[in-house]
Amino acid sequence: MTIRKLARLLLAFALAAPAFARAAEPLILTAPPRETRAAAEKLYGPLAKELTQLVGQPVVYRYPGLYMGDWGTYSHRMQKGEFTFVFDGPQFVSWRMKYLHDIPLVSLPGHLGYVVATDNVQVKSIRDLIGSHVCGLDSPNLLTLSFMSQFSDPLQQPILVAIDSGGFPAIYRAQLAGKCDTAIYRDSYYMHHLSDVQRSKLRVVYSSTGKLPNQSLTVSPSVPPAVRARIVAALTTTEGAKPAERIFKRFAKGASHFVPAVPAAFDNVYKLLTPLGWVSGWVPKPDPKAAP
């Protein structure tokens, strides 16, 4: 081989190296930091392995926050489009569809709804909660955002006692401890996880009417349509969804597979994030050059 041919060959490898490196980079699956890093790895790691088989390229689960309940880091990284696959609530799904053009693939069966329960005999409806302390999962939780949207005037909104870890059991404990008279619960949790004795201490004063789509898996538009179709076909069968068994046990007891996502069901749900403002990144930052 001549020196000239060798030089050309080395140049070709040098130019190709970045492309090979990009191809070898794993795609990232993530979900909100509702668990510890170790617990989240057990929950979502098997799904990442299944996606690797379906995509034909490595997919890894990455913890999105610095600690459990780190919604700020999670939101910021999501808004920057750092993740290929995301499994989370419909407000985030809707936001990514609008601003990142992500595609919803599959959803957990059922819908999301909530009840507002109180132990205060003076509270007859949610209008009696103006200025009151109400326990709920820390914003941007879907149920909390939905409840707060019932109060069009921010000055009349209840004061949220935010529970950032421990889920609905922690909300119930906070309510019993007197941190709030009233609390927001997912309807299915209130009905099926609280005992008759626990519910007897409370009274439902409001039940959400519009049912929102359940948690869903989205994908970035960089993944080809044929691959997306393959993922949907697999995860909507009992056999194909086996790697998600822990996810079903945690979020959708009794489910054995996902259902195809319905894109139209997410229309305008992102607007629940609007009150959080552009400082939080959920609303496009105002153009300083735009006319007032």
C-alpha atoms as a PDB file:
ATOM      1  CA  MET A   1       0.000   0.000   0.000  1.00  0.00           C
ATOM      2  CA  THR A   2       1.409   3.379  -0.983  1.00  0.00           C
ATOM      3  CA  ILE A   3       1.843   6.200   1.491  1.00  0.00           C
ATOM      4  CA  ARG A   4      -0.837   8.182  -0.358  1.00  0.00           C
ATOM      5  CA  LYS A   5      -3.422   5.334  -0.139  1.00  0.00           C
ATOM      6  CA  LEU A   6      -2.641   4.798   3.541  1.00  0.00           C
ATOM      7  CA  ALA A   7      -3.142   8.478   4.246  1.00  0.00           C
ATOM      8  CA  ARG A   8      -6.502   8.439   2.450  1.00  0.00           C
ATOM      9  CA  LEU A   9      -7.590   5.359   4.415  1.00  0.00           C
ATOM     10  CA  LEU A  10      -6.650   6.940   7.736  1.00  0.00           C
ATOM     11  CA  LEU A  11      -8.494  10.113   6.754  1.00  0.00           C
ATOM     12  CA  ALA A  12     -11.609   8.092   5.895  1.00  0.00           C
ATOM     13  CA  PHE A  13     -11.553   6.389   9.301  1.00  0.00           C
ATOM     14  CA  ALA A  14     -11.064   9.730  11.028  1.00  0.00           C
ATOM     15  CA  LEU A  15     -14.064  11.212   9.251  1.00  0.00           C
ATOM     16  CA  ALA A  16     -16.204   8.162   9.949  1.00  0.00           C
ATOM     17  CA  ALA A  17     -15.318   7.941  13.643  1.00  0.00           C
ATOM     18  CA  PRO A  18     -17.744  10.641  14.835  1.00  0.00           C
ATOM     19  CA  ALA A  19     -20.592   8.959  12.961  1.00  0.00           C
ATOM     20  CA  PHE A  20     -19.776   5.582  14.541  1.00  0.00           C
ATOM     21  CA  ALA A  21     -19.591   7.251  17.939  1.00  0.00           C
ATOM     22  CA  ARG A  22     -22.996   8.838  17.459  1.00  0.00           C
ATOM     23  CA  ALA A  23     -24.491   5.522  16.389  1.00  0.00           C
ATOM     24  CA  ALA A  24     -23.062   3.841  19.484  1.00  0.00           C
ATOM     25  CA  GLU A  25     -24.486   6.428  21.889  1.00  0.00           C
ATOM     26  CA  PRO A  26     -27.416   4.903  23.787  1.00  0.00           C
ATOM     27  CA  LEU A  27     -30.880   6.363  23.640  1.00  0.00           C
ATOM     28  CA  ILE A  28     -32.180   7.509  27.016  1.00  0.00           C
ATOM     29  CA  LEU A  29     -35.361   6.468  28.811  1.00  0.00           C
ATOM     30  CA  THR A  30     -36.425   8.434  31.868  1.00  0.00           C
ATOM     31  CA  ALA A  31     -39.372   9.138  34.166  1.00  0.00           C
ATOM     32  CA  PRO A  32     -40.042  11.599  37.015  1.00  0.00           C
ATOM     33  CA  PRO A  33     -37.800  11.171  40.087  1.00  0.00           C
ATOM     34  CA  ARG A  34     -40.584   9.840  42.290  1.00  0.00           C
ATOM     35  CA  GLU A  35     -38.363   7.088  43.686  1.00  0.00           C
ATOM     36  CA  THR A  36     -34.797   6.785  44.843  1.00  0.00           C
ATOM     37  CA  ARG A  37     -32.230   6.207  42.126  1.00  0.00           C
ATOM     38  CA  ALA A  38     -31.926   2.505  43.013  1.00  0.00           C
ATOM     39  CA  ALA A  39     -35.692   1.943  43.107  1.00  0.00           C
ATOM     40  CA  ALA A  40     -36.157   3.755  39.801  1.00  0.00           C
ATOM     41  CA  GLU A  41     -33.506   1.593  38.139  1.00  0.00           C
ATOM     42  CA  LYS A  42     -35.401  -1.544  39.198  1.00  0.00           C
ATOM     43  CA  LEU A  43     -38.676  -0.044  38.008  1.00  0.00           C
ATOM     44  CA  TYR A  44     -37.629   1.202  34.569  1.00  0.00           C
ATOM     45  CA  GLY A  45     -34.451  -0.752  33.788  1.00  0.00           C
ATOM     46  CA  PRO A  46     -36.315  -3.795  32.386  1.00  0.00           C
ATOM     47  CA  LEU A  47     -38.335  -1.555  30.057  1.00  0.00           C
ATOM     48  CA  ALA A  48     -35.116   0.007  28.759  1.00  0.00           C
ATOM     49  CA  LYS A  49     -33.795  -3.474  27.941  1.00  0.00           C
ATOM     50  CA  GLU A  50     -36.999  -4.316  26.083  1.00  0.00           C
ATOM     51  CA  LEU A  51     -36.790  -1.060  24.119  1.00  0.00           C
ATOM     52  CA  THR A  52     -33.207  -1.951  23.186  1.00  0.00           C
ATOM     53  CA  GLN A  53     -34.499  -5.105  21.511  1.00  0.00           C
ATOM     54  CA  LEU A  54     -37.342  -3.295  19.775  1.00  0.00           C
ATOM     55  CA  VAL A  55     -35.297  -0.326  18.564  1.00  0.00           C
ATOM     56  CA  GLY A  56     -32.194  -2.290  17.595  1.00  0.00           C
ATOM     57  CA  GLN A  57     -30.006   0.261  19.372  1.00  0.00           C
ATOM     58  CA  PRO A  58     -28.968   0.499  23.036  1.00  0.00           C
ATOM     59  CA  VAL A  59     -31.561   2.161  25.280  1.00  0.00           C
ATOM     60  CA  VAL A  60     -30.625   2.897  28.894  1.00  0.00           C
ATOM     61  CA  TYR A  61     -32.593   4.254  31.827  1.00  0.00           C
ATOM     62  CA  ARG A  62     -31.162   7.456  33.321  1.00  0.00           C
ATOM     63  CA  TYR A  63     -32.255   8.994  36.616  1.00  0.00           C
ATOM     64  CA  PRO A  64     -33.285  12.559  35.714  1.00  0.00           C
ATOM     65  CA  GLY A  65     -32.762  14.381  39.004  1.00  0.00           C
ATOM     66  CA  LEU A  66     -30.161  14.871  41.681  1.00  0.00           C
ATOM     67  CA  TYR A  67     -32.402  13.302  44.339  1.00  0.00           C
ATOM     68  CA  MET A  68     -35.901  11.904  44.837  1.00  0.00           C
ATOM     69  CA  GLY A  69     -38.467  14.640  44.228  1.00  0.00           C
ATOM     70  CA  ASP A  70     -36.071  16.840  42.231  1.00  0.00           C
ATOM     71  CA  TRP A  71     -38.744  18.116  39.838  1.00  0.00           C
ATOM     72  CA  GLY A  72     -36.721  21.201  38.944  1.00  0.00           C
ATOM     73  CA  THR A  73     -33.839  19.292  37.353  1.00  0.00           C
ATOM     74  CA  TYR A  74     -36.237  16.830  35.739  1.00  0.00           C
ATOM     75  CA  SER A  75     -38.282  19.635  34.183  1.00  0.00           C
ATOM     76  CA  HIS A  76     -35.218  21.529  32.956  1.00  0.00           C
ATOM     77  CA  ARG A  77     -33.642  18.487  31.311  1.00  0.00           C
ATOM     78  CA  MET A  78     -36.926  17.462  29.726  1.00  0.00           C
ATOM     79  CA  GLN A  79     -37.505  20.947  28.322  1.00  0.00           C
ATOM     80  CA  LYS A  80     -34.052  20.804  26.715  1.00  0.00           C
ATOM     81  CA  GLY A  81     -35.012  17.575  24.946  1.00  0.00           C
ATOM     82  CA  GLU A  82     -32.314  15.447  26.579  1.00  0.00           C
ATOM     83  CA  PHE A  83     -34.406  12.259  26.610  1.00  0.00           C
ATOM     84  CA  THR A  84     -35.511   9.998  23.764  1.00  0.00           C
ATOM     85  CA  PHE A  85     -38.163   8.097  25.717  1.00  0.00           C
ATOM     86  CA  VAL A  86     -40.119   9.581  28.620  1.00  0.00           C
ATOM     87  CA  PHE A  87     -42.784   7.950  30.776  1.00  0.00           C
ATOM     88  CA  ASP A  88     -44.825  10.488  32.737  1.00  0.00           C
ATOM     89  CA  GLY A  89     -48.126  12.328  33.136  1.00  0.00           C
ATOM     90  CA  PRO A  90     -50.339  13.824  30.413  1.00  0.00           C
ATOM     91  CA  GLN A  91     -49.476  17.455  31.172  1.00  0.00           C
ATOM     92  CA  PHE A  92     -45.843  16.740  30.300  1.00  0.00           C
ATOM     93  CA  VAL A  93     -46.782  14.546  27.348  1.00  0.00           C
ATOM     94  CA  SER A  94     -48.945  17.345  25.962  1.00  0.00           C
ATOM     95  CA  TRP A  95     -46.157  19.921  26.492  1.00  0.00           C
ATOM     96  CA  ARG A  96     -43.588  17.788  24.669  1.00  0.00           C
ATOM     97  CA  MET A  97     -46.017  17.173  21.827  1.00  0.00           C
ATOM     98  CA  LYS A  98     -46.445  20.919  21.363  1.00  0.00           C
ATOM     99  CA  TYR A  99     -42.903  22.192  21.915  1.00  0.00           C
ATOM    100  CA  LEU A 100     -40.624  19.208  21.157  1.00  0.00           C
ATOM    101  CA  HIS A 101     -42.908  17.392  18.684  1.00  0.00           C
ATOM    102  CA  ASP A 102     -42.619  14.155  20.658  1.00  0.00           C
ATOM    103  CA  ILE A 103     -45.018  11.340  19.798  1.00  0.00           C
ATOM    104  CA  PRO A 104     -47.129   9.488  22.401  1.00  0.00           C
ATOM    105  CA  LEU A 105     -46.789   5.734  21.920  1.00  0.00           C
ATOM    106  CA  VAL A 106     -48.634   3.865  24.660  1.00  0.00           C
ATOM    107  CA  SER A 107     -50.542   4.698  27.836  1.00  0.00           C
ATOM    108  CA  LEU A 108     -51.421   2.914  31.034  1.00  0.00           C
ATOM    109  CA  PRO A 109     -55.043   1.696  30.929  1.00  0.00           C
ATOM    110  CA  GLY A 110     -57.649   3.933  32.507  1.00  0.00           C
ATOM    111  CA  HIS A 111     -57.767   7.637  33.206  1.00  0.00           C
ATOM    112  CA  LEU A 112     -56.577  10.051  35.866  1.00  0.00           C
ATOM    113  CA  GLY A 113     -59.025  11.755  38.191  1.00  0.00           C
ATOM    114  CA  TYR A 114     -58.997  13.106  41.721  1.00  0.00           C
ATOM    115  CA  VAL A 115     -61.143  13.768  44.762  1.00  0.00           C
ATOM    116  CA  VAL A 116     -60.877  16.510  47.355  1.00  0.00           C
ATOM    117  CA  ALA A 117     -61.533  15.139  50.846  1.00  0.00           C
ATOM    118  CA  THR A 118     -61.805  17.028  54.131  1.00  0.00           C
ATOM    119  CA  ASP A 119     -62.340  16.489  57.840  1.00  0.00           C
ATOM    120  CA  ASN A 120     -63.585  20.052  58.336  1.00  0.00           C
ATOM    121  CA  VAL A 121     -67.377  20.150  58.816  1.00  0.00           C
ATOM    122  CA  GLN A 122     -67.405  23.790  57.684  1.00  0.00           C
ATOM    123  CA  VAL A 123     -66.199  22.878  54.184  1.00  0.00           C
ATOM    124  CA  LYS A 124     -69.132  22.070  51.902  1.00  0.00           C
ATOM    125  CA  SER A 125     -67.538  22.711  48.499  1.00  0.00           C
ATOM    126  CA  ILE A 126     -64.193  23.733  47.042  1.00  0.00           C
ATOM    127  CA  ARG A 127     -65.332  27.365  47.125  1.00  0.00           C
ATOM    128  CA  ASP A 128     -65.034  27.120  50.909  1.00  0.00           C
ATOM    129  CA  LEU A 129     -61.324  26.383  50.467  1.00  0.00           C
ATOM    130  CA  ILE A 130     -60.317  29.878  49.337  1.00  0.00           C
ATOM    131  CA  GLY A 131     -57.311  30.833  51.451  1.00  0.00           C
ATOM    132  CA  SER A 132     -57.316  27.469  53.247  1.00  0.00           C
ATOM    133  CA  HIS A 133     -54.419  25.043  53.553  1.00  0.00           C
ATOM    134  CA  VAL A 134     -54.785  22.042  51.243  1.00  0.00           C
ATOM    135  CA  CYS A 135     -52.361  19.110  51.096  1.00  0.00           C
ATOM    136  CA  GLY A 136     -51.347  17.862  47.669  1.00  0.00           C
ATOM    137  CA  LEU A 137     -48.440  16.430  45.732  1.00  0.00           C
ATOM    138  CA  ASP A 138     -45.919  19.111  44.897  1.00  0.00           C
ATOM    139  CA  SER A 139     -46.487  20.975  41.628  1.00  0.00           C
ATOM    140  CA  PRO A 140     -46.164  20.280  38.685  1.00  0.00           C
ATOM    141  CA  ASN A 141     -48.202  17.227  39.712  1.00  0.00           C
ATOM    142  CA  LEU A 142     -51.174  16.794  37.386  1.00  0.00           C
ATOM    143  CA  LEU A 143     -53.843  16.449  40.077  1.00  0.00           C
ATOM    144  CA  THR A 144     -52.575  19.481  41.979  1.00  0.00           C
ATOM    145  CA  LEU A 145     -52.483  21.566  38.794  1.00  0.00           C
ATOM    146  CA  SER A 146     -55.987  20.407  37.840  1.00  0.00           C
ATOM    147  CA  PHE A 147     -57.348  21.297  41.267  1.00  0.00           C
ATOM    148  CA  MET A 148     -55.710  24.733  41.300  1.00  0.00           C
ATOM    149  CA  SER A 149     -57.129  25.447  37.829  1.00  0.00           C
ATOM    150  CA  GLN A 150     -60.599  25.467  39.422  1.00  0.00           C
ATOM    151  CA  PHE A 151     -59.691  28.863  40.896  1.00  0.00           C
ATOM    152  CA  SER A 152     -59.338  31.358  38.040  1.00  0.00           C
ATOM    153  CA  ASP A 153     -58.209  34.145  40.377  1.00  0.00           C
ATOM    154  CA  PRO A 154     -54.753  33.312  41.785  1.00  0.00           C
ATOM    155  CA  LEU A 155     -55.536  35.449  44.836  1.00  0.00           C
ATOM    156  CA  GLN A 156     -58.370  33.087  45.715  1.00  0.00           C
ATOM    157  CA  GLN A 157     -56.409  29.873  45.358  1.00  0.00           C
ATOM    158  CA  PRO A 158     -55.969  27.681  48.429  1.00  0.00           C
ATOM    159  CA  ILE A 159     -52.538  27.579  50.045  1.00  0.00           C
ATOM    160  CA  LEU A 160     -50.845  24.374  48.930  1.00  0.00           C
ATOM    161  CA  VAL A 161     -49.130  22.296  51.590  1.00  0.00           C
ATOM    162  CA  ALA A 162     -46.788  20.585  49.136  1.00  0.00           C
ATOM    163  CA  ILE A 163     -45.818  16.963  49.730  1.00  0.00           C
ATOM    164  CA  ASP A 164     -42.713  16.295  47.623  1.00  0.00           C
ATOM    165  CA  SER A 165     -42.120  12.640  48.524  1.00  0.00           C
ATOM    166  CA  GLY A 166     -44.012   9.681  49.904  1.00  0.00           C
ATOM    167  CA  GLY A 167     -46.996   9.977  47.564  1.00  0.00           C
ATOM    168  CA  PHE A 168     -50.591   9.751  48.712  1.00  0.00           C
ATOM    169  CA  PRO A 169     -49.801   7.833  51.922  1.00  0.00           C
ATOM    170  CA  ALA A 170     -47.710  10.850  52.965  1.00  0.00           C
ATOM    171  CA  ILE A 171     -50.620  13.151  52.126  1.00  0.00           C
ATOM    172  CA  TYR A 172     -52.948  11.119  54.349  1.00  0.00           C
ATOM    173  CA  ARG A 173     -50.433  11.226  57.206  1.00  0.00           C
ATOM    174  CA  ALA A 174     -50.037  14.991  56.797  1.00  0.00           C
ATOM    175  CA  GLN A 175     -53.800  15.447  56.870  1.00  0.00           C
ATOM    176  CA  LEU A 176     -54.173  13.351  60.033  1.00  0.00           C
ATOM    177  CA  ALA A 177     -51.291  15.268  61.622  1.00  0.00           C
ATOM    178  CA  GLY A 178     -53.242  18.492  61.166  1.00  0.00           C
ATOM    179  CA  LYS A 179     -51.048  20.097  58.515  1.00  0.00           C
ATOM    180  CA  CYS A 180     -54.217  20.621  56.488  1.00  0.00           C
ATOM    181  CA  ASP A 181     -57.957  19.990  56.865  1.00  0.00           C
ATOM    182  CA  THR A 182     -58.361  19.109  53.204  1.00  0.00           C
ATOM    183  CA  ALA A 183     -56.310  17.089  50.730  1.00  0.00           C
ATOM    184  CA  ILE A 184     -56.196  16.105  47.053  1.00  0.00           C
ATOM    185  CA  TYR A 185     -56.137  12.366  46.346  1.00  0.00           C
ATOM    186  CA  ARG A 186     -56.140  10.355  43.174  1.00  0.00           C
ATOM    187  CA  ASP A 187     -59.666   8.926  43.015  1.00  0.00           C
ATOM    188  CA  SER A 188     -58.544   5.314  42.640  1.00  0.00           C
ATOM    189  CA  TYR A 189     -56.174   5.643  45.607  1.00  0.00           C
ATOM    190  CA  TYR A 190     -58.886   7.114  47.797  1.00  0.00           C
ATOM    191  CA  MET A 191     -61.384   4.389  46.906  1.00  0.00           C
ATOM    192  CA  HIS A 192     -59.134   1.332  46.765  1.00  0.00           C
ATOM    193  CA  HIS A 193     -56.142   2.004  49.002  1.00  0.00           C
ATOM    194  CA  LEU A 194     -57.621   3.838  51.965  1.00  0.00           C
ATOM    195  CA  SER A 195     -59.567   1.503  54.225  1.00  0.00           C
ATOM    196  CA  ASP A 196     -63.211   2.017  55.187  1.00  0.00           C
ATOM    197  CA  VAL A 197     -62.017   3.191  58.589  1.00  0.00           C
ATOM    198  CA  GLN A 198     -59.617   5.715  57.041  1.00  0.00           C
ATOM    199  CA  ARG A 199     -62.254   7.057  54.654  1.00  0.00           C
ATOM    200  CA  SER A 200     -64.764   7.338  57.498  1.00  0.00           C
ATOM    201  CA  LYS A 201     -62.634  10.141  58.942  1.00  0.00           C
ATOM    202  CA  LEU A 202     -62.958  12.160  55.733  1.00  0.00           C
ATOM    203  CA  ARG A 203     -65.675  13.499  53.459  1.00  0.00           C
ATOM    204  CA  VAL A 204     -65.397  14.053  49.696  1.00  0.00           C
ATOM    205  CA  VAL A 205     -66.421  17.584  48.739  1.00  0.00           C
ATOM    206  CA  TYR A 206     -65.346  17.481  45.096  1.00  0.00           C
ATOM    207  CA  SER A 207     -64.705  14.867  42.410  1.00  0.00           C
ATOM    208  CA  SER A 208     -63.066  15.792  39.107  1.00  0.00           C
ATOM    209  CA  THR A 209     -65.366  15.481  36.130  1.00  0.00           C
ATOM    210  CA  GLY A 210     -63.112  15.495  33.060  1.00  0.00           C
ATOM    211  CA  LYS A 211     -61.008  12.340  33.000  1.00  0.00           C
ATOM    212  CA  LEU A 212     -57.458  12.914  31.797  1.00  0.00           C
ATOM    213  CA  PRO A 213     -55.364  10.302  29.965  1.00  0.00           C
ATOM    214  CA  ASN A 214     -53.160   8.118  32.109  1.00  0.00           C
ATOM    215  CA  GLN A 215     -49.371   8.172  32.265  1.00  0.00           C
ATOM    216  CA  SER A 216     -47.848   7.516  28.873  1.00  0.00           C
ATOM    217  CA  LEU A 217     -44.619   6.719  27.062  1.00  0.00           C
ATOM    218  CA  THR A 218     -43.470   9.210  24.442  1.00  0.00           C
ATOM    219  CA  VAL A 219     -40.639   9.150  21.942  1.00  0.00           C
ATOM    220  CA  SER A 220     -38.697  11.891  20.199  1.00  0.00           C
ATOM    221  CA  PRO A 221     -39.354  12.411  16.470  1.00  0.00           C
ATOM    222  CA  SER A 222     -35.820  11.202  15.701  1.00  0.00           C
ATOM    223  CA  VAL A 223     -37.010   7.598  16.086  1.00  0.00           C
ATOM    224  CA  PRO A 224     -38.381   6.339  12.730  1.00  0.00           C
ATOM    225  CA  PRO A 225     -42.128   5.607  12.334  1.00  0.00           C
ATOM    226  CA  ALA A 226     -41.496   1.907  11.658  1.00  0.00           C
ATOM    227  CA  VAL A 227     -39.672   1.567  14.973  1.00  0.00           C
ATOM    228  CA  ARG A 228     -42.441   3.436  16.794  1.00  0.00           C
ATOM    229  CA  ALA A 229     -45.011   1.052  15.332  1.00  0.00           C
ATOM    230  CA  ARG A 230     -42.936  -1.921  16.468  1.00  0.00           C
ATOM    231  CA  ILE A 231     -42.812  -0.575  20.025  1.00  0.00           C
ATOM    232  CA  VAL A 232     -46.574  -0.010  20.155  1.00  0.00           C
ATOM    233  CA  ALA A 233     -47.288  -3.472  18.753  1.00  0.00           C
ATOM    234  CA  ALA A 234     -45.091  -5.135  21.382  1.00  0.00           C
ATOM    235  CA  LEU A 235     -46.029  -3.143  24.492  1.00  0.00           C
ATOM    236  CA  THR A 236     -49.768  -3.506  23.906  1.00  0.00           C
ATOM    237  CA  THR A 237     -49.535  -7.293  24.317  1.00  0.00           C
ATOM    238  CA  THR A 238     -49.229  -9.147  27.614  1.00  0.00           C
ATOM    239  CA  GLU A 239     -46.100 -10.970  26.486  1.00  0.00           C
ATOM    240  CA  GLY A 240     -44.379  -7.905  25.075  1.00  0.00           C
ATOM    241  CA  ALA A 241     -45.188  -5.784  28.135  1.00  0.00           C
ATOM    242  CA  LYS A 242     -43.791  -8.239  30.701  1.00  0.00           C
ATOM    243  CA  PRO A 243     -40.722  -6.033  31.330  1.00  0.00           C
ATOM    244  CA  ALA A 244     -43.142  -3.341  32.555  1.00  0.00           C
ATOM    245  CA  GLU A 245     -44.746  -5.550  35.231  1.00  0.00           C
ATOM    246  CA  ARG A 246     -43.281  -3.459  38.058  1.00  0.00           C
ATOM    247  CA  ILE A 247     -44.639  -0.303  36.420  1.00  0.00           C
ATOM    248  CA  PHE A 248     -48.129  -1.812  36.279  1.00  0.00           C
ATOM    249  CA  LYS A 249     -47.893  -2.951  39.893  1.00  0.00           C
ATOM    250  CA  ARG A 250     -46.899   0.554  40.965  1.00  0.00           C
ATOM    251  CA  PHE A 251     -49.239   2.666  38.844  1.00  0.00           C
ATOM    252  CA  ALA A 252     -51.974   0.461  37.350  1.00  0.00           C
ATOM    253  CA  LYS A 253     -52.702  -2.566  39.522  1.00  0.00           C
ATOM    254  CA  GLY A 254     -54.337  -5.348  37.543  1.00  0.00           C
ATOM    255  CA  ALA A 255     -53.018  -4.170  34.174  1.00  0.00           C
ATOM    256  CA  SER A 256     -50.948  -6.579  32.090  1.00  0.00           C
ATOM    257  CA  HIS A 257     -50.134  -4.395  29.094  1.00  0.00           C
ATOM    258  CA  PHE A 258     -50.250  -0.835  27.793  1.00  0.00           C
ATOM    259  CA  VAL A 259     -52.896   0.521  25.429  1.00  0.00           C
ATOM    260  CA  PRO A 260     -52.175   2.577  22.290  1.00  0.00           C
ATOM    261  CA  ALA A 261     -51.950   6.275  23.111  1.00  0.00           C
ATOM    262  CA  VAL A 262     -54.612   8.564  21.632  1.00  0.00           C
ATOM    263  CA  PRO A 263     -52.842  11.804  20.612  1.00  0.00           C
ATOM    264  CA  ALA A 264     -56.041  13.876  20.595  1.00  0.00           C
ATOM    265  CA  ALA A 265     -56.608  13.045  24.273  1.00  0.00           C
ATOM    266  CA  PHE A 266     -53.619  15.231  25.163  1.00  0.00           C
ATOM    267  CA  ASP A 267     -54.845  18.340  23.347  1.00  0.00           C
ATOM    268  CA  ASN A 268     -54.358  21.478  25.459  1.00  0.00           C
ATOM    269  CA  VAL A 269     -53.497  19.557  28.632  1.00  0.00           C
ATOM    270  CA  TYR A 270     -50.156  21.398  28.599  1.00  0.00           C
ATOM    271  CA  LYS A 271     -52.076  24.551  29.510  1.00  0.00           C
ATOM    272  CA  LEU A 272     -52.292  23.287  33.081  1.00  0.00           C
ATOM    273  CA  LEU A 273     -48.579  24.151  33.277  1.00  0.00           C
ATOM    274  CA  THR A 274     -49.104  27.718  32.048  1.00  0.00           C
ATOM    275  CA  PRO A 275     -49.668  29.266  35.519  1.00  0.00           C
ATOM    276  CA  LEU A 276     -46.149  28.154  36.458  1.00  0.00           C
ATOM    277  CA  GLY A 277     -44.885  30.801  34.038  1.00  0.00           C
ATOM    278  CA  TRP A 278     -41.930  31.248  31.718  1.00  0.00           C
ATOM    279  CA  VAL A 279     -39.427  31.397  34.594  1.00  0.00           C
ATOM    280  CA  SER A 280     -40.063  27.674  35.147  1.00  0.00           C
ATOM    281  CA  GLY A 281     -39.647  27.011  31.426  1.00  0.00           C
ATOM    282  CA  TRP A 282     -43.190  25.787  30.774  1.00  0.00           C
ATOM    283  CA  VAL A 283     -44.166  28.920  28.880  1.00  0.00           C
ATOM    284  CA  PRO A 284     -41.994  30.362  26.072  1.00  0.00           C
ATOM    285  CA  LYS A 285     -39.953  33.265  27.393  1.00  0.00           C
ATOM    286  CA  PRO A 286     -41.354  36.637  26.256  1.00  0.00           C
ATOM    287  CA  ASP A 287     -39.464  38.289  23.417  1.00  0.00           C
ATOM    288  CA  PRO A 288     -37.948  41.501  24.883  1.00  0.00           C
ATOM    289  CA  LYS A 289     -38.125  43.074  21.405  1.00  0.00           C
ATOM    290  CA  ALA A 290     -41.842  42.380  21.039  1.00  0.00           C
ATOM    291  CA  ALA A 291     -44.240  45.290  21.330  1.00  0.00           C
ATOM    292  CA  PRO A 292     -46.006  45.468  24.723  1.00  0.00           C
END
